[in-house]
PDB file of N, CA and C in Angstrom:
ATOM      1  N   THR A   1     -51.591 -47.744  56.492  1.00  0.00           N
ATOM      2  CA  THR A   1     -50.746 -48.771  55.436  1.00  0.00           C
ATOM      3  C   THR A   1     -52.000 -50.194  55.358  1.00  0.00           C
ATOM      4  N   LEU A   2     -52.427 -50.459  56.487  1.00  0.00           N
ATOM      5  CA  LEU A   2     -53.055 -51.597  57.203  1.00  0.00           C
ATOM      6  C   LEU A   2     -55.045 -51.203  56.548  1.00  0.00           C
ATOM      7  N   LYS A   3     -55.355 -50.124  56.632  1.00  0.00           N
ATOM      8  CA  LYS A   3     -56.199 -49.143  56.087  1.00  0.00           C
ATOM      9  C   LYS A   3     -56.467 -49.824  54.573  1.00  0.00           C
ATOM     10  N   VAL A   4     -55.495 -48.999  54.189  1.00  0.00           N
ATOM     11  CA  VAL A   4     -55.273 -49.317  52.520  1.00  0.00           C
ATOM     12  C   VAL A   4     -55.647 -51.306  52.088  1.00  0.00           C
ATOM     13  N   THR A   5     -54.589 -51.778  53.349  1.00  0.00           N
ATOM     14  CA  THR A   5     -55.038 -53.355  52.238  1.00  0.00           C
ATOM     15  C   THR A   5     -56.039 -54.056  52.988  1.00  0.00           C
ATOM     16  N   ARG A   6     -57.111 -53.263  54.170  1.00  0.00           N
ATOM     17  CA  ARG A   6     -58.198 -54.167  54.413  1.00  0.00           C
ATOM     18  C   ARG A   6     -59.082 -53.416  53.496  1.00  0.00           C
ATOM     19  N   ASP A   7     -59.432 -52.003  53.076  1.00  0.00           N
ATOM     20  CA  ASP A   7     -60.312 -51.961  52.222  1.00  0.00           C
ATOM     21  C   ASP A   7     -60.231 -52.873  50.837  1.00  0.00           C
ATOM     22  N   PHE A   8     -58.268 -52.751  50.419  1.00  0.00           N
ATOM     23  CA  PHE A   8     -58.546 -54.198  49.560  1.00  0.00           C
ATOM     24  C   PHE A   8     -59.503 -55.632  49.639  1.00  0.00           C
ATOM     25  N   ALA A   9     -58.975 -56.012  51.001  1.00  0.00           N
ATOM     26  CA  ALA A   9     -59.307 -56.865  51.228  1.00  0.00           C
ATOM     27  C   ALA A   9     -61.033 -57.414  50.969  1.00  0.00           C
ATOM     28  N   ALA A  10     -61.104 -56.413  51.211  1.00  0.00           N
ATOM     29  CA  ALA A  10     -62.941 -56.332  51.507  1.00  0.00           C
ATOM     30  C   ALA A  10     -63.768 -55.847  50.605  1.00  0.00           C
ATOM     31  N   MET A  11     -62.847 -55.260  49.645  1.00  0.00           N
ATOM     32  CA  MET A  11     -63.674 -55.702  47.903  1.00  0.00           C
ATOM     33  C   MET A  11     -63.074 -56.904  47.809  1.00  0.00           C
ATOM     34  N   MET A  12     -61.811 -57.364  48.286  1.00  0.00           N
ATOM     35  CA  MET A  12     -61.547 -58.596  47.028  1.00  0.00           C
ATOM     36  C   MET A  12     -63.228 -59.447  47.316  1.00  0.00           C
ATOM     37  N   ILE A  13     -63.386 -59.287  48.466  1.00  0.00           N
ATOM     38  CA  ILE A  13     -64.675 -59.799  49.256  1.00  0.00           C
ATOM     39  C   ILE A  13     -65.992 -59.532  48.420  1.00  0.00           C
ATOM     40  N   LYS A  14     -66.300 -58.780  48.471  1.00  0.00           N
ATOM     41  CA  LYS A  14     -66.406 -58.893  47.293  1.00  0.00           C
ATOM     42  C   LYS A  14     -67.634 -59.319  46.004  1.00  0.00           C
ATOM     43  N   ASP A  15     -65.732 -58.631  45.721  1.00  0.00           N
ATOM     44  CA  ASP A  15     -66.071 -58.654  43.876  1.00  0.00           C
ATOM     45  C   ASP A  15     -65.895 -60.315  43.741  1.00  0.00           C
ATOM     46  N   HIS A  16     -65.208 -61.010  44.427  1.00  0.00           N
ATOM     47  CA  HIS A  16     -65.408 -62.749  44.440  1.00  0.00           C
ATOM     48  C   HIS A  16     -66.574 -63.633  45.129  1.00  0.00           C
ATOM     49  N   THR A  17     -66.964 -62.889  45.612  1.00  0.00           N
ATOM     50  CA  THR A  17     -68.361 -63.249  45.962  1.00  0.00           C
ATOM     51  C   THR A  17     -69.716 -63.048  44.556  1.00  0.00           C
ATOM     52  N   ALA A  18     -69.683 -61.884  44.292  1.00  0.00           N
ATOM     53  CA  ALA A  18     -70.444 -61.727  42.987  1.00  0.00           C
ATOM     54  C   ALA A  18     -69.846 -62.973  41.893  1.00  0.00           C
ATOM     55  N   SER A  19     -68.134 -62.779  41.143  1.00  0.00           N
ATOM     56  CA  SER A  19     -67.499 -63.279  40.015  1.00  0.00           C
ATOM     57  C   SER A  19     -67.617 -64.810  40.364  1.00  0.00           C
ATOM     58  N   THR A  20     -68.125 -65.617  41.579  1.00  0.00           N
ATOM     59  CA  THR A  20     -68.237 -66.914  42.020  1.00  0.00           C
ATOM     60  C   THR A  20     -69.719 -66.655  41.452  1.00  0.00           C
ATOM     61  N   ASN A  21     -70.692 -66.370  41.779  1.00  0.00           N
ATOM     62  CA  ASN A  21     -72.157 -66.765  41.520  1.00  0.00           C
ATOM     63  C   ASN A  21     -72.193 -66.503  39.409  1.00  0.00           C
ATOM     64  N   LYS A  22     -71.425 -65.253  39.556  1.00  0.00           N
ATOM     65  CA  LYS A  22     -71.792 -65.464  38.063  1.00  0.00           C
ATOM     66  C   LYS A  22     -71.086 -66.739  37.249  1.00  0.00           C
ATOM     67  N   LEU A  23     -70.009 -67.278  37.569  1.00  0.00           N
ATOM     68  CA  LEU A  23     -69.372 -68.290  37.637  1.00  0.00           C
ATOM     69  C   LEU A  23     -70.593 -69.860  37.674  1.00  0.00           C
ATOM     70  N   LYS A  24     -70.599 -69.748  38.765  1.00  0.00           N
ATOM     71  CA  LYS A  24     -71.626 -70.745  39.595  1.00  0.00           C
ATOM     72  C   LYS A  24     -73.269 -71.065  38.248  1.00  0.00           C
ATOM     73  N   HIS A  25     -73.358 -69.803  38.393  1.00  0.00           N
ATOM     74  CA  HIS A  25     -74.802 -69.527  36.515  1.00  0.00           C
ATOM     75  C   HIS A  25     -74.458 -69.815  35.317  1.00  0.00           C
ATOM     76  N   ALA A  26     -72.696 -69.816  34.752  1.00  0.00           N
ATOM     77  CA  ALA A  26     -72.846 -69.419  33.511  1.00  0.00           C
ATOM     78  C   ALA A  26     -72.312 -71.088  33.478  1.00  0.00           C
ATOM     79  N   ALA A  27     -71.778 -72.050  34.655  1.00  0.00           N
ATOM     80  CA  ALA A  27     -71.215 -72.651  35.148  1.00  0.00           C
ATOM     81  C   ALA A  27     -72.128 -74.073  34.321  1.00  0.00           C
ATOM     82  N   GLN A  28     -73.043 -74.478  34.948  1.00  0.00           N
ATOM     83  CA  GLN A  28     -74.693 -74.575  34.982  1.00  0.00           C
ATOM     84  C   GLN A  28     -75.664 -74.708  34.142  1.00  0.00           C
ATOM     85  N   LYS A  29     -75.184 -73.583  33.470  1.00  0.00           N
ATOM     86  CA  LYS A  29     -75.471 -73.126  31.848  1.00  0.00           C
ATOM     87  C   LYS A  29     -74.398 -74.566  31.113  1.00  0.00           C
ATOM     88  N   ALA A  30     -73.443 -74.233  31.044  1.00  0.00           N
ATOM     89  CA  ALA A  30     -72.157 -75.020  30.246  1.00  0.00           C
ATOM     90  C   ALA A  30     -73.102 -76.238  29.202  1.00  0.00           C
ATOM     91  N   GLN A  31     -72.540 -75.884  28.479  1.00  0.00           N
ATOM     92  CA  GLN A  31     -72.994 -77.866  27.629  1.00  0.00           C
ATOM     93  C   GLN A  31     -71.117 -79.566  27.998  1.00  0.00           C
ATOM     94  N   PRO A  32     -71.941 -80.173  28.607  1.00  0.00           N
ATOM     95  CA  PRO A  32     -72.587 -80.763  29.939  1.00  0.00           C
ATOM     96  C   PRO A  32     -72.868 -79.378  31.165  1.00  0.00           C
ATOM     97  N   PRO A  33     -73.727 -79.088  32.549  1.00  0.00           N
ATOM     98  CA  PRO A  33     -72.939 -78.987  33.300  1.00  0.00           C
ATOM     99  C   PRO A  33     -71.811 -78.965  34.230  1.00  0.00           C
ATOM    100  N   ILE A  34     -70.677 -77.841  34.674  1.00  0.00           N
ATOM    101  CA  ILE A  34     -69.785 -78.296  35.621  1.00  0.00           C
ATOM    102  C   ILE A  34     -69.978 -77.703  36.488  1.00  0.00           C
ATOM    103  N   ALA A  35     -69.578 -77.978  37.882  1.00  0.00           N
ATOM    104  CA  ALA A  35     -70.007 -78.559  38.702  1.00  0.00           C
ATOM    105  C   ALA A  35     -68.992 -77.305  39.283  1.00  0.00           C
ATOM    106  N   VAL A  36     -68.346 -76.089  40.372  1.00  0.00           N
ATOM    107  CA  VAL A  36     -67.249 -75.421  40.742  1.00  0.00           C
ATOM    108  C   VAL A  36     -66.987 -75.854  41.925  1.00  0.00           C
ATOM    109  N   ALA A  37     -65.772 -75.879  41.876  1.00  0.00           N
ATOM    110  CA  ALA A  37     -65.291 -76.307  43.411  1.00  0.00           C
ATOM    111  C   ALA A  37     -65.620 -75.739  44.541  1.00  0.00           C
ATOM    112  N   ALA A  38     -65.773 -76.289  45.192  1.00  0.00           N
ATOM    113  CA  ALA A  38     -66.328 -75.241  46.783  1.00  0.00           C
ATOM    114  C   ALA A  38     -64.918 -74.779  47.918  1.00  0.00           C
ATOM    115  N   ALA A  39     -64.053 -75.403  47.723  1.00  0.00           N
ATOM    116  CA  ALA A  39     -63.006 -75.389  48.158  1.00  0.00           C
ATOM    117  C   ALA A  39     -61.583 -75.916  47.981  1.00  0.00           C
ATOM    118  N   MET A  40     -61.250 -74.876  49.612  1.00  0.00           N
ATOM    119  CA  MET A  40     -59.426 -74.558  48.360  1.00  0.00           C
ATOM    120  C   MET A  40     -58.396 -75.286  48.368  1.00  0.00           C
ATOM    121  N   ASP A  41     -57.498 -74.969  46.810  1.00  0.00           N
ATOM    122  CA  ASP A  41     -57.068 -76.543  46.970  1.00  0.00           C
ATOM    123  C   ASP A  41     -55.666 -75.935  47.271  1.00  0.00           C
ATOM    124  N   ALA A  42     -54.775 -76.598  46.681  1.00  0.00           N
ATOM    125  CA  ALA A  42     -53.469 -76.743  48.019  1.00  0.00           C
ATOM    126  C   ALA A  42     -53.032 -75.692  47.598  1.00  0.00           C
ATOM    127  N   GLU A  43     -52.868 -74.769  46.458  1.00  0.00           N
ATOM    128  CA  GLU A  43     -51.848 -74.132  46.449  1.00  0.00           C
ATOM    129  C   GLU A  43     -52.566 -72.408  47.095  1.00  0.00           C
ATOM    130  N   GLN A  44     -53.946 -72.408  47.139  1.00  0.00           N
ATOM    131  CA  GLN A  44     -54.083 -71.916  48.391  1.00  0.00           C
ATOM    132  C   GLN A  44     -54.385 -71.651  49.579  1.00  0.00           C
ATOM    133  N   LEU A  45     -54.193 -73.067  50.323  1.00  0.00           N
ATOM    134  CA  LEU A  45     -53.805 -73.861  51.177  1.00  0.00           C
ATOM    135  C   LEU A  45     -52.559 -73.182  51.656  1.00  0.00           C
ATOM    136  N   SER A  46     -52.122 -73.289  50.271  1.00  0.00           N
ATOM    137  CA  SER A  46     -50.160 -72.942  51.093  1.00  0.00           C
ATOM    138  C   SER A  46     -50.641 -71.389  51.146  1.00  0.00           C
ATOM    139  N   GLN A  47     -50.631 -70.166  50.456  1.00  0.00           N
ATOM    140  CA  GLN A  47     -51.096 -69.171  50.404  1.00  0.00           C
ATOM    141  C   GLN A  47     -51.919 -68.572  52.124  1.00  0.00           C
ATOM    142  N   LEU A  48     -52.851 -69.545  52.153  1.00  0.00           N
ATOM    143  CA  LEU A  48     -53.804 -68.862  53.791  1.00  0.00           C
ATOM    144  C   LEU A  48     -51.687 -69.285  54.592  1.00  0.00           C
ATOM    145  N   ASN A  49     -51.818 -69.914  54.295  1.00  0.00           N
ATOM    146  CA  ASN A  49     -50.809 -70.436  55.553  1.00  0.00           C
ATOM    147  C   ASN A  49     -49.284 -69.789  55.412  1.00  0.00           C
ATOM    148  N   GLU A  50     -49.167 -69.024  54.658  1.00  0.00           N
ATOM    149  CA  GLU A  50     -47.808 -68.187  54.254  1.00  0.00           C
ATOM    150  C   GLU A  50     -48.808 -67.261  55.208  1.00  0.00           C
ATOM    151  N   LEU A  51     -49.796 -66.759  54.938  1.00  0.00           N
ATOM    152  CA  LEU A  51     -50.487 -64.799  55.417  1.00  0.00           C
ATOM    153  C   LEU A  51     -50.525 -65.442  56.948  1.00  0.00           C
ATOM    154  N   LYS A  52     -50.840 -67.111  56.947  1.00  0.00           N
ATOM    155  CA  LYS A  52     -50.710 -66.810  58.886  1.00  0.00           C
ATOM    156  C   LYS A  52     -49.425 -66.757  59.491  1.00  0.00           C
ATOM    157  N   GLN A  53     -48.678 -66.847  59.058  1.00  0.00           N
ATOM    158  CA  GLN A  53     -47.160 -66.914  59.366  1.00  0.00           C
ATOM    159  C   GLN A  53     -46.480 -65.856  58.940  1.00  0.00           C
ATOM    160  N   ALA A  54     -47.131 -64.884  58.499  1.00  0.00           N
ATOM    161  CA  ALA A  54     -46.009 -63.418  57.860  1.00  0.00           C
ATOM    162  C   ALA A  54     -46.098 -62.362  58.781  1.00  0.00           C
ATOM    163  N   GLY A  55     -46.555 -62.856  60.327  1.00  0.00           N
ATOM    164  CA  GLY A  55     -45.849 -62.040  61.301  1.00  0.00           C
ATOM    165  C   GLY A  55     -46.210 -60.215  61.036  1.00  0.00           C
ATOM    166  N   LYS A  56     -45.856 -59.377  60.657  1.00  0.00           N
ATOM    167  CA  LYS A  56     -45.148 -57.925  60.687  1.00  0.00           C
ATOM    168  C   LYS A  56     -44.988 -57.625  58.660  1.00  0.00           C
ATOM    169  N   ASN A  57     -44.861 -58.972  58.610  1.00  0.00           N
ATOM    170  CA  ASN A  57     -44.176 -58.797  56.815  1.00  0.00           C
ATOM    171  C   ASN A  57     -46.120 -58.679  55.927  1.00  0.00           C
ATOM    172  N   PHE A  58     -46.730 -59.093  57.027  1.00  0.00           N
ATOM    173  CA  PHE A  58     -48.848 -59.150  55.985  1.00  0.00           C
ATOM    174  C   PHE A  58     -48.989 -58.814  55.066  1.00  0.00           C
ATOM    175  N   ASP A  59     -48.761 -57.868  55.486  1.00  0.00           N
ATOM    176  CA  ASP A  59     -48.891 -56.253  53.973  1.00  0.00           C
ATOM    177  C   ASP A  59     -48.500 -57.088  52.386  1.00  0.00           C
ATOM    178  N   ALA A  60     -46.632 -57.594  53.165  1.00  0.00           N
ATOM    179  CA  ALA A  60     -46.055 -57.780  51.676  1.00  0.00           C
ATOM    180  C   ALA A  60     -46.731 -58.861  51.392  1.00  0.00           C
ATOM    181  N   VAL A  61     -46.866 -60.012  52.456  1.00  0.00           N
ATOM    182  CA  VAL A  61     -46.933 -60.713  51.182  1.00  0.00           C
ATOM    183  C   VAL A  61     -48.161 -61.350  50.864  1.00  0.00           C
ATOM    184  N   TYR A  62     -49.483 -60.264  51.352  1.00  0.00           N
ATOM    185  CA  TYR A  62     -50.374 -60.770  50.453  1.00  0.00           C
ATOM    186  C   TYR A  62     -50.725 -59.351  49.879  1.00  0.00           C
ATOM    187  N   ALA A  63     -49.709 -58.784  49.731  1.00  0.00           N
ATOM    188  CA  ALA A  63     -48.979 -57.833  48.265  1.00  0.00           C
ATOM    189  C   ALA A  63     -49.167 -58.475  47.187  1.00  0.00           C
ATOM    190  N   ARG A  64     -47.904 -59.505  47.329  1.00  0.00           N
ATOM    191  CA  ARG A  64     -47.336 -60.298  46.401  1.00  0.00           C
ATOM    192  C   ARG A  64     -48.624 -61.081  45.763  1.00  0.00           C
ATOM    193  N   GLN A  65     -49.345 -62.722  46.836  1.00  0.00           N
ATOM    194  CA  GLN A  65     -49.387 -63.136  46.694  1.00  0.00           C
ATOM    195  C   GLN A  65     -50.990 -62.450  45.943  1.00  0.00           C
ATOM    196  N   GLN A  66     -51.546 -61.326  45.894  1.00  0.00           N
ATOM    197  CA  GLN A  66     -52.431 -60.813  45.572  1.00  0.00           C
ATOM    198  C   GLN A  66     -52.311 -60.417  43.522  1.00  0.00           C
ATOM    199  N   VAL A  67     -51.225 -59.981  43.554  1.00  0.00           N
ATOM    200  CA  VAL A  67     -50.564 -59.456  42.434  1.00  0.00           C
ATOM    201  C   VAL A  67     -50.187 -60.778  40.784  1.00  0.00           C
ATOM    202  N   ALA A  68     -49.470 -61.643  42.110  1.00  0.00           N
ATOM    203  CA  ALA A  68     -49.439 -63.273  41.691  1.00  0.00           C
ATOM    204  C   ALA A  68     -50.582 -64.001  41.145  1.00  0.00           C
ATOM    205  N   ALA A  69     -52.199 -63.975  42.176  1.00  0.00           N
ATOM    206  CA  ALA A  69     -53.410 -64.473  41.626  1.00  0.00           C
ATOM    207  C   ALA A  69     -53.865 -64.007  40.497  1.00  0.00           C
ATOM    208  N   HIS A  70     -53.508 -62.997  40.222  1.00  0.00           N
ATOM    209  CA  HIS A  70     -53.983 -62.248  39.487  1.00  0.00           C
ATOM    210  C   HIS A  70     -54.058 -61.507  38.279  1.00  0.00           C
ATOM    211  N   ASP A  71     -52.775 -61.497  38.378  1.00  0.00           N
ATOM    212  CA  ASP A  71     -51.926 -61.958  36.749  1.00  0.00           C
ATOM    213  C   ASP A  71     -52.139 -63.690  35.676  1.00  0.00           C
ATOM    214  N   LYS A  72     -52.052 -64.780  37.173  1.00  0.00           N
ATOM    215  CA  LYS A  72     -52.883 -65.989  36.791  1.00  0.00           C
ATOM    216  C   LYS A  72     -53.955 -65.466  36.462  1.00  0.00           C
ATOM    217  N   ALA A  73     -54.871 -65.173  37.021  1.00  0.00           N
ATOM    218  CA  ALA A  73     -56.401 -64.898  35.814  1.00  0.00           C
ATOM    219  C   ALA A  73     -56.693 -64.649  35.370  1.00  0.00           C
ATOM    220  N   LEU A  74     -55.757 -63.758  34.854  1.00  0.00           N
ATOM    221  CA  LEU A  74     -55.809 -63.064  33.539  1.00  0.00           C
ATOM    222  C   LEU A  74     -55.639 -63.442  32.223  1.00  0.00           C
ATOM    223  N   ARG A  75     -54.578 -64.496  32.904  1.00  0.00           N
ATOM    224  CA  ARG A  75     -54.031 -65.130  31.882  1.00  0.00           C
ATOM    225  C   ARG A  75     -54.916 -66.286  31.127  1.00  0.00           C
ATOM    226  N   VAL A  76     -55.660 -67.355  32.956  1.00  0.00           N
ATOM    227  CA  VAL A  76     -56.313 -67.387  32.515  1.00  0.00           C
ATOM    228  C   VAL A  76     -57.572 -67.327  31.264  1.00  0.00           C
ATOM    229  N   LEU A  77     -58.618 -66.417  32.312  1.00  0.00           N
ATOM    230  CA  LEU A  77     -59.568 -65.742  31.816  1.00  0.00           C
ATOM    231  C   LEU A  77     -59.139 -65.148  30.432  1.00  0.00           C
ATOM    232  N   ARG A  78     -58.487 -64.179  30.128  1.00  0.00           N
ATOM    233  CA  ARG A  78     -57.663 -63.681  28.413  1.00  0.00           C
ATOM    234  C   ARG A  78     -57.553 -65.208  27.200  1.00  0.00           C
ATOM    235  N   SER A  79     -57.692 -66.343  28.211  1.00  0.00           N
ATOM    236  CA  SER A  79     -57.525 -67.367  26.828  1.00  0.00           C
ATOM    237  C   SER A  79     -58.268 -68.252  26.312  1.00  0.00           C
ATOM    238  N   TYR A  80     -59.532 -67.923  27.406  1.00  0.00           N
ATOM    239  CA  TYR A  80     -61.121 -69.352  27.764  1.00  0.00           C
ATOM    240  C   TYR A  80     -61.589 -67.583  26.853  1.00  0.00           C
ATOM    241  N   ALA A  81     -61.696 -66.437  27.252  1.00  0.00           N
ATOM    242  CA  ALA A  81     -62.207 -65.383  26.386  1.00  0.00           C
ATOM    243  C   ALA A  81     -61.614 -65.697  24.965  1.00  0.00           C
ATOM    244  N   GLN A  82     -60.550 -65.766  24.731  1.00  0.00           N
ATOM    245  CA  GLN A  82     -60.503 -66.719  23.166  1.00  0.00           C
ATOM    246  C   GLN A  82     -60.877 -67.288  22.865  1.00  0.00           C
ATOM    247  N   PHE A  83     -60.277 -68.702  22.902  1.00  0.00           N
ATOM    248  CA  PHE A  83     -60.083 -70.459  22.773  1.00  0.00           C
ATOM    249  C   PHE A  83     -61.439 -71.036  23.637  1.00  0.00           C
ATOM    250  N   GLY A  84     -61.998 -70.051  24.100  1.00  0.00           N
ATOM    251  CA  GLY A  84     -62.540 -72.022  24.926  1.00  0.00           C
ATOM    252  C   GLY A  84     -63.851 -71.880  24.394  1.00  0.00           C
ATOM    253  N   THR A  85     -64.620 -73.099  24.577  1.00  0.00           N
ATOM    254  CA  THR A  85     -65.058 -73.955  24.024  1.00  0.00           C
ATOM    255  C   THR A  85     -66.651 -73.909  24.267  1.00  0.00           C
ATOM    256  N   ASP A  86     -67.035 -73.630  25.024  1.00  0.00           N
ATOM    257  CA  ASP A  86     -68.261 -73.167  25.964  1.00  0.00           C
ATOM    258  C   ASP A  86     -69.170 -71.390  25.817  1.00  0.00           C
ATOM    259  N   PRO A  87     -70.029 -71.151  24.998  1.00  0.00           N
ATOM    260  CA  PRO A  87     -69.968 -69.912  25.191  1.00  0.00           C
ATOM    261  C   PRO A  87     -70.675 -69.013  26.468  1.00  0.00           C
ATOM    262  N   SER A  88     -71.327 -70.005  27.320  1.00  0.00           N
ATOM    263  CA  SER A  88     -71.416 -69.135  28.721  1.00  0.00           C
ATOM    264  C   SER A  88     -70.703 -69.009  29.240  1.00  0.00           C
ATOM    265  N   LEU A  89     -69.499 -70.071  29.603  1.00  0.00           N
ATOM    266  CA  LEU A  89     -68.010 -69.458  30.720  1.00  0.00           C
ATOM    267  C   LEU A  89     -67.687 -68.719  29.774  1.00  0.00           C
ATOM    268  N   ARG A  90     -67.289 -68.613  27.762  1.00  0.00           N
ATOM    269  CA  ARG A  90     -66.629 -67.692  26.986  1.00  0.00           C
ATOM    270  C   ARG A  90     -67.015 -66.077  27.910  1.00  0.00           C
ATOM    271  N   THR A  91     -68.105 -66.301  27.248  1.00  0.00           N
ATOM    272  CA  THR A  91     -69.023 -64.625  28.256  1.00  0.00           C
ATOM    273  C   THR A  91     -68.634 -63.992  29.376  1.00  0.00           C
ATOM    274  N   PHE A  92     -68.344 -64.979  30.672  1.00  0.00           N
ATOM    275  CA  PHE A  92     -68.140 -64.917  31.176  1.00  0.00           C
ATOM    276  C   PHE A  92     -66.607 -64.634  31.476  1.00  0.00           C
ATOM    277  N   ALA A  93     -65.922 -65.331  30.939  1.00  0.00           N
ATOM    278  CA  ALA A  93     -64.207 -64.950  30.961  1.00  0.00           C
ATOM    279  C   ALA A  93     -64.138 -63.558  30.507  1.00  0.00           C
ATOM    280  N   SER A  94     -65.002 -62.966  29.221  1.00  0.00           N
ATOM    281  CA  SER A  94     -64.764 -61.913  28.856  1.00  0.00           C
ATOM    282  C   SER A  94     -65.360 -60.834  29.418  1.00  0.00           C
ATOM    283  N   GLU A  95     -65.823 -60.886  30.837  1.00  0.00           N
ATOM    284  CA  GLU A  95     -67.028 -59.685  31.151  1.00  0.00           C
ATOM    285  C   GLU A  95     -65.833 -59.767  32.685  1.00  0.00           C
ATOM    286  N   ALA A  96     -64.754 -60.934  33.023  1.00  0.00           N
ATOM    287  CA  ALA A  96     -63.820 -60.794  34.575  1.00  0.00           C
ATOM    288  C   ALA A  96     -62.774 -59.991  34.010  1.00  0.00           C
ATOM    289  N   VAL A  97     -62.626 -60.251  32.444  1.00  0.00           N
ATOM    290  CA  VAL A  97     -61.793 -59.434  32.939  1.00  0.00           C
ATOM    291  C   VAL A  97     -60.995 -57.815  32.450  1.00  0.00           C
ATOM    292  N   THR A  98     -62.152 -56.762  33.034  1.00  0.00           N
ATOM    293  CA  THR A  98     -62.010 -55.894  32.770  1.00  0.00           C
ATOM    294  C   THR A  98     -62.008 -55.634  34.549  1.00  0.00           C
ATOM    295  N   VAL A  99     -62.860 -56.768  34.872  1.00  0.00           N
ATOM    296  CA  VAL A  99     -62.812 -56.184  36.725  1.00  0.00           C
ATOM    297  C   VAL A  99     -61.445 -56.755  37.140  1.00  0.00           C
ATOM    298  N   VAL A 100     -60.836 -58.602  37.170  1.00  0.00           N
ATOM    299  CA  VAL A 100     -59.745 -58.811  37.092  1.00  0.00           C
ATOM    300  C   VAL A 100     -58.403 -57.705  36.581  1.00  0.00           C
ATOM    301  N   GLU A 101     -58.704 -57.052  35.592  1.00  0.00           N
ATOM    302  CA  GLU A 101     -57.192 -55.628  35.398  1.00  0.00           C
ATOM    303  C   GLU A 101     -57.272 -54.714  36.249  1.00  0.00           C
ATOM    304  N   GLN A 102     -58.366 -54.250  36.556  1.00  0.00           N
ATOM    305  CA  GLN A 102     -58.087 -53.438  38.305  1.00  0.00           C
ATOM    306  C   GLN A 102     -58.157 -54.215  39.114  1.00  0.00           C
ATOM    307  N   ARG A 103     -58.068 -55.264  39.185  1.00  0.00           N
ATOM    308  CA  ARG A 103     -57.819 -55.215  40.789  1.00  0.00           C
ATOM    309  C   ARG A 103     -56.611 -55.399  40.461  1.00  0.00           C
ATOM    310  N   ALA A 104     -56.188 -55.688  40.067  1.00  0.00           N
ATOM    311  CA  ALA A 104     -54.288 -56.291  39.338  1.00  0.00           C
ATOM    312  C   ALA A 104     -53.367 -54.806  39.168  1.00  0.00           C
ATOM    313  N   THR A 105     -54.088 -54.233  38.734  1.00  0.00           N
ATOM    314  CA  THR A 105     -53.886 -52.777  38.656  1.00  0.00           C
ATOM    315  C   THR A 105     -53.862 -52.026  40.382  1.00  0.00           C
ATOM    316  N   GLN A 106     -55.145 -52.298  40.849  1.00  0.00           N
ATOM    317  CA  GLN A 106     -54.519 -52.024  42.739  1.00  0.00           C
ATOM    318  C   GLN A 106     -53.577 -52.710  43.308  1.00  0.00           C
ATOM    319  N   ALA A 107     -53.805 -54.214  43.062  1.00  0.00           N
ATOM    320  CA  ALA A 107     -52.512 -54.900  43.412  1.00  0.00           C
ATOM    321  C   ALA A 107     -51.658 -54.652  43.708  1.00  0.00           C
ATOM    322  N   ARG A 108     -51.236 -53.725  42.502  1.00  0.00           N
ATOM    323  CA  ARG A 108     -49.748 -53.089  42.174  1.00  0.00           C
ATOM    324  C   ARG A 108     -49.220 -51.773  43.348  1.00  0.00           C
ATOM    325  N   LYS A 109     -50.602 -50.961  43.641  1.00  0.00           N
ATOM    326  CA  LYS A 109     -50.410 -50.392  45.180  1.00  0.00           C
ATOM    327  C   LYS A 109     -50.527 -50.740  46.103  1.00  0.00           C
ATOM    328  N   LEU A 110     -50.831 -51.784  46.512  1.00  0.00           N
ATOM    329  CA  LEU A 110     -50.578 -51.591  48.054  1.00  0.00           C
ATOM    330  C   LEU A 110     -49.074 -51.995  48.637  1.00  0.00           C
ATOM    331  N   PRO A 111     -49.519 -51.692  49.874  1.00  0.00           N
ATOM    332  CA  PRO A 111     -47.888 -51.538  50.745  1.00  0.00           C
ATOM    333  C   PRO A 111     -47.490 -52.828  50.896  1.00  0.00           C
ATOM    334  N   GLY A 112     -45.669 -53.048  50.208  1.00  0.00           N
ATOM    335  CA  GLY A 112     -45.105 -54.195  49.482  1.00  0.00           C
ATOM    336  C   GLY A 112     -45.585 -55.027  48.546  1.00  0.00           C
ATOM    337  N   GLY A 113     -45.946 -54.348  47.521  1.00  0.00           N
ATOM    338  CA  GLY A 113     -46.447 -54.777  46.253  1.00  0.00           C
ATOM    339  C   GLY A 113     -45.645 -54.339  45.617  1.00  0.00           C
TER     340      GLY A 113
END
């Protein structure tokens, strides 16, 4: 199960690097341009701390966090894709939905997910 979790995490790093670059590009094209936050927010820091303290429950905690995070991201992306006001960000949101849906499905299959 450790390999499954590690493989998923490696895929998340790759996907998030690509999506962050796309989001930065879309945000720069937005009117007015938007700066993308470079630091983790309080919720993300809390989740990181939870993982650090998870011990033997790491896989289950990680899986739960990933499912919740992907579900939240899907709600935001779908909403902005439909109702967002900036065309470049709407395009980003629309394109990101497909990948996030796939990752949400995969997160549900993680050990403990």
